[in-house]
Amino acid sequence: MLIWVLVDGPRRPGELCELIGGISPRVRTEALRWLDFNGLVARNSYAEAPPRAEYELSALGRTLLGPVDPFGAWVFEHCDEVMAAQERKGG
């Protein structure tokens, strides 16, 4: 999902949580670190007060858009159903 939501350009971590309902900040951070480590996203830091960071797809990450796009479209279409199932299960 992170790959799919970064298709429109750089996003701040908080924006990613808003776009992907149900992802915790901890899980988001771990996933972004893994994607960055593997060269799929780039982390851009800005020396501001308070410090700011954005994530964007790398050239390698953009190669995943073709395979990921159908999955992202499915999630977008069925996200309410998935969230309802999680709530029923206590997640």
C-alpha atoms as a PDB file:
ATOM      1  CA  MET A   1       0.000   0.000   0.000  1.00  0.00           C
ATOM      2  CA  LEU A   2       2.813   2.443   0.749  1.00  0.00           C
ATOM      3  CA  ILE A   3       4.124   2.032  -2.795  1.00  0.00           C
ATOM      4  CA  TRP A   4       0.672   2.723  -4.207  1.00  0.00           C
ATOM      5  CA  VAL A   5      -0.017   5.845  -2.140  1.00  0.00           C
ATOM      6  CA  LEU A   6       3.370   7.346  -3.026  1.00  0.00           C
ATOM      7  CA  VAL A   7       2.534   7.317  -6.748  1.00  0.00           C
ATOM      8  CA  ASP A   8       1.381  10.954  -6.670  1.00  0.00           C
ATOM      9  CA  GLY A   9       4.617  12.261  -5.211  1.00  0.00           C
ATOM     10  CA  PRO A  10       6.358  12.813  -1.888  1.00  0.00           C
ATOM     11  CA  ARG A  11       4.338  12.411   1.307  1.00  0.00           C
ATOM     12  CA  ARG A  12       4.978  13.141   4.949  1.00  0.00           C
ATOM     13  CA  PRO A  13       4.658  10.202   7.366  1.00  0.00           C
ATOM     14  CA  GLY A  14       1.465  11.576   8.921  1.00  0.00           C
ATOM     15  CA  GLU A  15      -0.146  11.874   5.489  1.00  0.00           C
ATOM     16  CA  LEU A  16       0.642   8.234   4.831  1.00  0.00           C
ATOM     17  CA  CYS A  17      -1.203   7.192   7.997  1.00  0.00           C
ATOM     18  CA  GLU A  18      -4.223   9.226   6.895  1.00  0.00           C
ATOM     19  CA  LEU A  19      -4.200   7.709   3.413  1.00  0.00           C
ATOM     20  CA  ILE A  20      -3.783   4.162   4.673  1.00  0.00           C
ATOM     21  CA  GLY A  21      -6.462   3.695   7.293  1.00  0.00           C
ATOM     22  CA  GLY A  22      -5.550   1.293  10.037  1.00  0.00           C
ATOM     23  CA  ILE A  23      -1.755   1.491   9.775  1.00  0.00           C
ATOM     24  CA  SER A  24      -0.063   2.342  13.048  1.00  0.00           C
ATOM     25  CA  PRO A  25       2.849   4.799  13.145  1.00  0.00           C
ATOM     26  CA  ARG A  26       5.144   1.974  14.293  1.00  0.00           C
ATOM     27  CA  VAL A  27       4.208  -0.320  11.404  1.00  0.00           C
ATOM     28  CA  ARG A  28       4.421   2.593   8.951  1.00  0.00           C
ATOM     29  CA  THR A  29       7.909   3.504  10.193  1.00  0.00           C
ATOM     30  CA  GLU A  30       9.163  -0.084   9.996  1.00  0.00           C
ATOM     31  CA  ALA A  31       7.759  -0.499   6.483  1.00  0.00           C
ATOM     32  CA  LEU A  32       9.271   2.787   5.280  1.00  0.00           C
ATOM     33  CA  ARG A  33      12.667   1.847   6.716  1.00  0.00           C
ATOM     34  CA  TRP A  34      12.495  -1.521   4.935  1.00  0.00           C
ATOM     35  CA  LEU A  35      11.476   0.126   1.641  1.00  0.00           C
ATOM     36  CA  ASP A  36      14.264   2.703   2.011  1.00  0.00           C
ATOM     37  CA  PHE A  37      16.835   0.018   2.880  1.00  0.00           C
ATOM     38  CA  ASN A  38      15.852  -1.894  -0.263  1.00  0.00           C
ATOM     39  CA  GLY A  39      16.037   1.180  -2.488  1.00  0.00           C
ATOM     40  CA  LEU A  40      12.313   1.396  -3.232  1.00  0.00           C
ATOM     41  CA  VAL A  41      11.701   4.769  -1.566  1.00  0.00           C
ATOM     42  CA  ALA A  42      13.875   7.768  -0.795  1.00  0.00           C
ATOM     43  CA  ARG A  43      13.685   9.658   2.479  1.00  0.00           C
ATOM     44  CA  ASN A  44      14.145  13.400   2.171  1.00  0.00           C
ATOM     45  CA  SER A  45      14.928  15.300   5.381  1.00  0.00           C
ATOM     46  CA  TYR A  46      14.515  19.037   5.788  1.00  0.00           C
ATOM     47  CA  ALA A  47      16.357  21.061   8.433  1.00  0.00           C
ATOM     48  CA  GLU A  48      13.379  22.999   9.712  1.00  0.00           C
ATOM     49  CA  ALA A  49      11.871  23.599  13.103  1.00  0.00           C
ATOM     50  CA  PRO A  50      10.326  21.152  13.740  1.00  0.00           C
ATOM     51  CA  PRO A  51      12.304  18.728  11.553  1.00  0.00           C
ATOM     52  CA  ARG A  52      10.386  17.434   8.561  1.00  0.00           C
ATOM     53  CA  ALA A  53      10.786  14.324   6.419  1.00  0.00           C
ATOM     54  CA  GLU A  54       9.083  13.165   3.259  1.00  0.00           C
ATOM     55  CA  TYR A  55       9.164   9.874   1.427  1.00  0.00           C
ATOM     56  CA  GLU A  56       8.942   9.369  -2.304  1.00  0.00           C
ATOM     57  CA  LEU A  57       9.284   6.488  -4.707  1.00  0.00           C
ATOM     58  CA  SER A  58      12.735   5.893  -6.118  1.00  0.00           C
ATOM     59  CA  ALA A  59      13.260   4.962  -9.768  1.00  0.00           C
ATOM     60  CA  LEU A  60      13.391   1.319  -8.663  1.00  0.00           C
ATOM     61  CA  GLY A  61      10.216   1.747  -6.621  1.00  0.00           C
ATOM     62  CA  ARG A  62       8.405   3.141  -9.669  1.00  0.00           C
ATOM     63  CA  THR A  63       9.060  -0.153 -11.469  1.00  0.00           C
ATOM     64  CA  LEU A  64       6.663  -1.769  -8.972  1.00  0.00           C
ATOM     65  CA  LEU A  65       3.725   0.414  -9.968  1.00  0.00           C
ATOM     66  CA  GLY A  66       2.624  -1.888 -12.796  1.00  0.00           C
ATOM     67  CA  PRO A  67       2.342  -4.983 -10.591  1.00  0.00           C
ATOM     68  CA  VAL A  68       1.072  -3.063  -7.530  1.00  0.00           C
ATOM     69  CA  ASP A  69      -1.595  -0.980  -9.303  1.00  0.00           C
ATOM     70  CA  PRO A  70      -4.257  -3.731  -9.520  1.00  0.00           C
ATOM     71  CA  PHE A  71      -3.763  -4.558  -5.832  1.00  0.00           C
ATOM     72  CA  GLY A  72      -3.993  -0.888  -4.834  1.00  0.00           C
ATOM     73  CA  ALA A  73      -7.184  -0.472  -6.848  1.00  0.00           C
ATOM     74  CA  TRP A  74      -8.669  -3.551  -5.148  1.00  0.00           C
ATOM     75  CA  VAL A  75      -7.784  -2.218  -1.688  1.00  0.00           C
ATOM     76  CA  PHE A  76      -9.256   1.186  -2.508  1.00  0.00           C
ATOM     77  CA  GLU A  77     -12.487  -0.464  -3.650  1.00  0.00           C
ATOM     78  CA  HIS A  78     -12.766  -2.843  -0.678  1.00  0.00           C
ATOM     79  CA  CYS A  79     -11.034  -0.963   2.163  1.00  0.00           C
ATOM     80  CA  ASP A  80     -14.289  -0.363   4.063  1.00  0.00           C
ATOM     81  CA  GLU A  81     -15.048  -4.084   4.016  1.00  0.00           C
ATOM     82  CA  VAL A  82     -11.539  -4.950   5.191  1.00  0.00           C
ATOM     83  CA  MET A  83     -11.714  -2.399   8.027  1.00  0.00           C
ATOM     84  CA  ALA A  84     -15.147  -3.729   9.080  1.00  0.00           C
ATOM     85  CA  ALA A  85     -13.752  -7.277   9.191  1.00  0.00           C
ATOM     86  CA  GLN A  86     -10.834  -6.092  11.337  1.00  0.00           C
ATOM     87  CA  GLU A  87     -13.199  -4.367  13.749  1.00  0.00           C
ATOM     88  CA  ARG A  88     -15.334  -7.511  14.038  1.00  0.00           C
ATOM     89  CA  LYS A  89     -12.216  -9.489  14.916  1.00  0.00           C
ATOM     90  CA  GLY A  90     -11.033  -6.911  17.450  1.00  0.00           C
ATOM     91  CA  GLY A  91      -8.164  -5.592  15.348  1.00  0.00           C
END
